[in-house]
Amino acid sequence: MITWVDRALSNFSGETKKLKQLGDRHKGYGVVEAHFDVVGQALIKTLGMALGDKFTDELKGYWVIVFGMVKSAMNPKIRVEYFDMHGRAHHIRLLLDYFGVDYEDRRIDRPSFFANKTAGNYTFG
């Protein structure tokens, strides 16, 4: 299975146009960004149930990456979510602003981060 994931990732750039078209079709059906997260959670949980002990943390990590790439290709909007401080995300925000890239700027404080993490509101942990 890891070999399959590796092959899929090595040719992923060739599939992004098709995935973008698929994402546009889904938007026409009324699919919104939150739906992608629900599907991702369902996929990971289903793989875990189907594979049992064979679904190792390493394999789960690969599938999380693959789904994140598919989601990004189907719904290409950048979201910067980081603590509201001068740090790594600050430079990313500056570059996105400079080049006029539309993005969602989500700044969070520590109590909100831990509350959301505890409540399970982050897609993969």
Protein backbone atom coordinates (compact mmCIF):
# COMPACT_ATOMS: atom_id res chain seq x y z
CA MET A 1 0.00 0.00 0.00
CA ILE A 2 2.86 2.41 0.78
CA THR A 3 4.21 1.67 -2.71
CA TRP A 4 0.84 2.67 -4.21
CA VAL A 5 0.82 5.92 -2.22
CA ASP A 6 4.38 6.63 -3.35
CA ARG A 7 3.43 6.07 -7.01
CA ALA A 8 0.35 8.28 -6.66
CA LEU A 9 2.39 11.09 -5.15
CA SER A 10 5.13 10.84 -7.78
CA ASN A 11 2.58 11.50 -10.56
CA PHE A 12 0.30 13.80 -8.58
CA SER A 13 1.03 16.96 -10.57
CA GLY A 14 -0.48 15.33 -13.64
CA GLU A 15 -3.77 14.82 -11.84
CA THR A 16 -4.31 18.27 -10.31
CA LYS A 17 -6.18 19.70 -13.32
CA LYS A 18 -8.65 16.78 -13.25
CA LEU A 19 -9.09 17.15 -9.49
CA LYS A 20 -9.71 20.90 -9.83
CA GLN A 21 -12.42 20.16 -12.43
CA LEU A 22 -13.91 17.55 -10.11
CA GLY A 23 -13.87 20.09 -7.27
CA ASP A 24 -15.64 22.67 -9.44
CA ARG A 25 -18.33 20.10 -10.25
CA HIS A 26 -18.77 19.33 -6.56
CA LYS A 27 -19.16 23.04 -5.76
CA GLY A 28 -21.99 23.07 -8.29
CA TYR A 29 -23.66 20.33 -6.23
CA GLY A 30 -23.46 22.55 -3.12
CA VAL A 31 -20.36 21.02 -1.54
CA VAL A 32 -18.58 23.44 0.81
CA GLU A 33 -15.12 23.30 2.41
CA ALA A 34 -16.39 21.72 5.64
CA HIS A 35 -17.66 18.73 3.65
CA PHE A 36 -14.12 17.92 2.52
CA ASP A 37 -13.04 17.66 6.17
CA VAL A 38 -15.90 15.29 6.99
CA VAL A 39 -15.02 13.09 4.01
CA GLY A 40 -11.36 13.07 5.06
CA GLN A 41 -12.23 12.00 8.58
CA ALA A 42 -14.55 9.29 7.24
CA LEU A 43 -11.87 8.01 4.85
CA ILE A 44 -9.23 7.75 7.57
CA LYS A 45 -11.64 6.09 10.00
CA THR A 46 -12.86 3.64 7.35
CA LEU A 47 -9.32 2.68 6.40
CA GLY A 48 -8.53 2.14 10.08
CA MET A 49 -11.55 -0.08 10.57
CA ALA A 50 -10.97 -2.06 7.37
CA LEU A 51 -7.23 -2.60 7.86
CA GLY A 52 -7.21 -3.01 11.64
CA ASP A 53 -3.69 -3.51 13.00
CA LYS A 54 -2.25 -3.14 9.50
CA PHE A 55 -3.29 0.54 9.55
CA THR A 56 -0.18 1.73 11.35
CA ASP A 57 0.48 5.30 12.41
CA GLU A 58 2.94 5.58 9.53
CA LEU A 59 0.36 4.42 6.97
CA LYS A 60 -2.27 6.70 8.48
CA GLY A 61 0.18 9.58 8.12
CA TYR A 62 0.64 8.82 4.43
CA TRP A 63 -3.11 8.70 3.83
CA VAL A 64 -3.60 11.99 5.68
CA ILE A 65 -1.03 13.56 3.36
CA VAL A 66 -2.61 12.08 0.24
CA PHE A 67 -6.10 13.22 1.23
CA GLY A 68 -4.78 16.69 2.07
CA MET A 69 -3.25 16.92 -1.38
CA VAL A 70 -6.47 15.78 -3.07
CA LYS A 71 -8.50 18.23 -0.98
CA SER A 72 -6.15 21.08 -1.85
CA ALA A 73 -6.31 20.24 -5.54
CA MET A 74 -10.11 20.03 -5.53
CA ASN A 75 -10.64 23.11 -3.37
CA PRO A 76 -7.60 25.31 -3.92
CA LYS A 77 -7.94 28.09 -1.37
CA ILE A 78 -5.07 28.82 0.92
CA ARG A 79 -5.82 29.07 4.62
CA VAL A 80 -3.21 30.35 7.01
CA GLU A 81 -4.09 29.29 10.56
CA TYR A 82 -1.56 30.21 13.15
CA PHE A 83 -1.19 31.92 16.47
CA ASP A 84 -1.69 35.70 16.33
CA MET A 85 1.96 36.62 16.73
CA HIS A 86 5.08 37.37 14.74
CA GLY A 87 6.29 33.93 13.72
CA ARG A 88 6.48 31.62 10.74
CA ALA A 89 3.03 32.47 9.44
CA HIS A 90 3.80 36.20 9.50
CA HIS A 91 6.20 35.87 6.57
CA ILE A 92 3.77 33.67 4.68
CA ARG A 93 1.03 36.30 5.12
CA LEU A 94 3.37 39.04 3.88
CA LEU A 95 4.22 37.08 0.74
CA LEU A 96 0.60 36.21 0.01
CA ASP A 97 -0.40 39.86 0.44
CA TYR A 98 2.49 41.09 -1.70
CA PHE A 99 1.54 38.80 -4.59
CA GLY A 100 -2.19 39.50 -4.23
CA VAL A 101 -3.13 35.90 -3.43
CA ASP A 102 -6.60 35.44 -1.96
CA TYR A 103 -6.34 33.49 1.29
CA GLU A 104 -8.17 32.95 4.53
CA ASP A 105 -6.32 34.44 7.49
CA ARG A 106 -7.30 32.59 10.67
CA ARG A 107 -5.50 33.81 13.77
CA ILE A 108 -6.02 31.89 16.96
CA ASP A 109 -5.03 32.34 20.58
CA ARG A 110 -3.67 29.55 22.76
CA PRO A 111 -6.86 28.94 24.80
CA SER A 112 -8.92 28.66 21.58
CA PHE A 113 -6.37 26.30 20.05
CA PHE A 114 -6.44 23.93 23.01
CA ALA A 115 -10.23 24.13 23.32
CA ASN A 116 -10.65 23.27 19.61
CA LYS A 117 -8.05 20.50 19.81
CA THR A 118 -9.75 18.97 22.87
CA ALA A 119 -13.17 19.21 21.19
CA GLY A 120 -11.84 17.40 18.11
CA ASN A 121 -12.41 20.36 15.80
CA TYR A 122 -9.16 19.91 13.91
CA THR A 123 -9.46 17.60 10.94
CA PHE A 124 -6.70 15.13 11.74
CA GLY A 125 -5.86 15.61 15.36
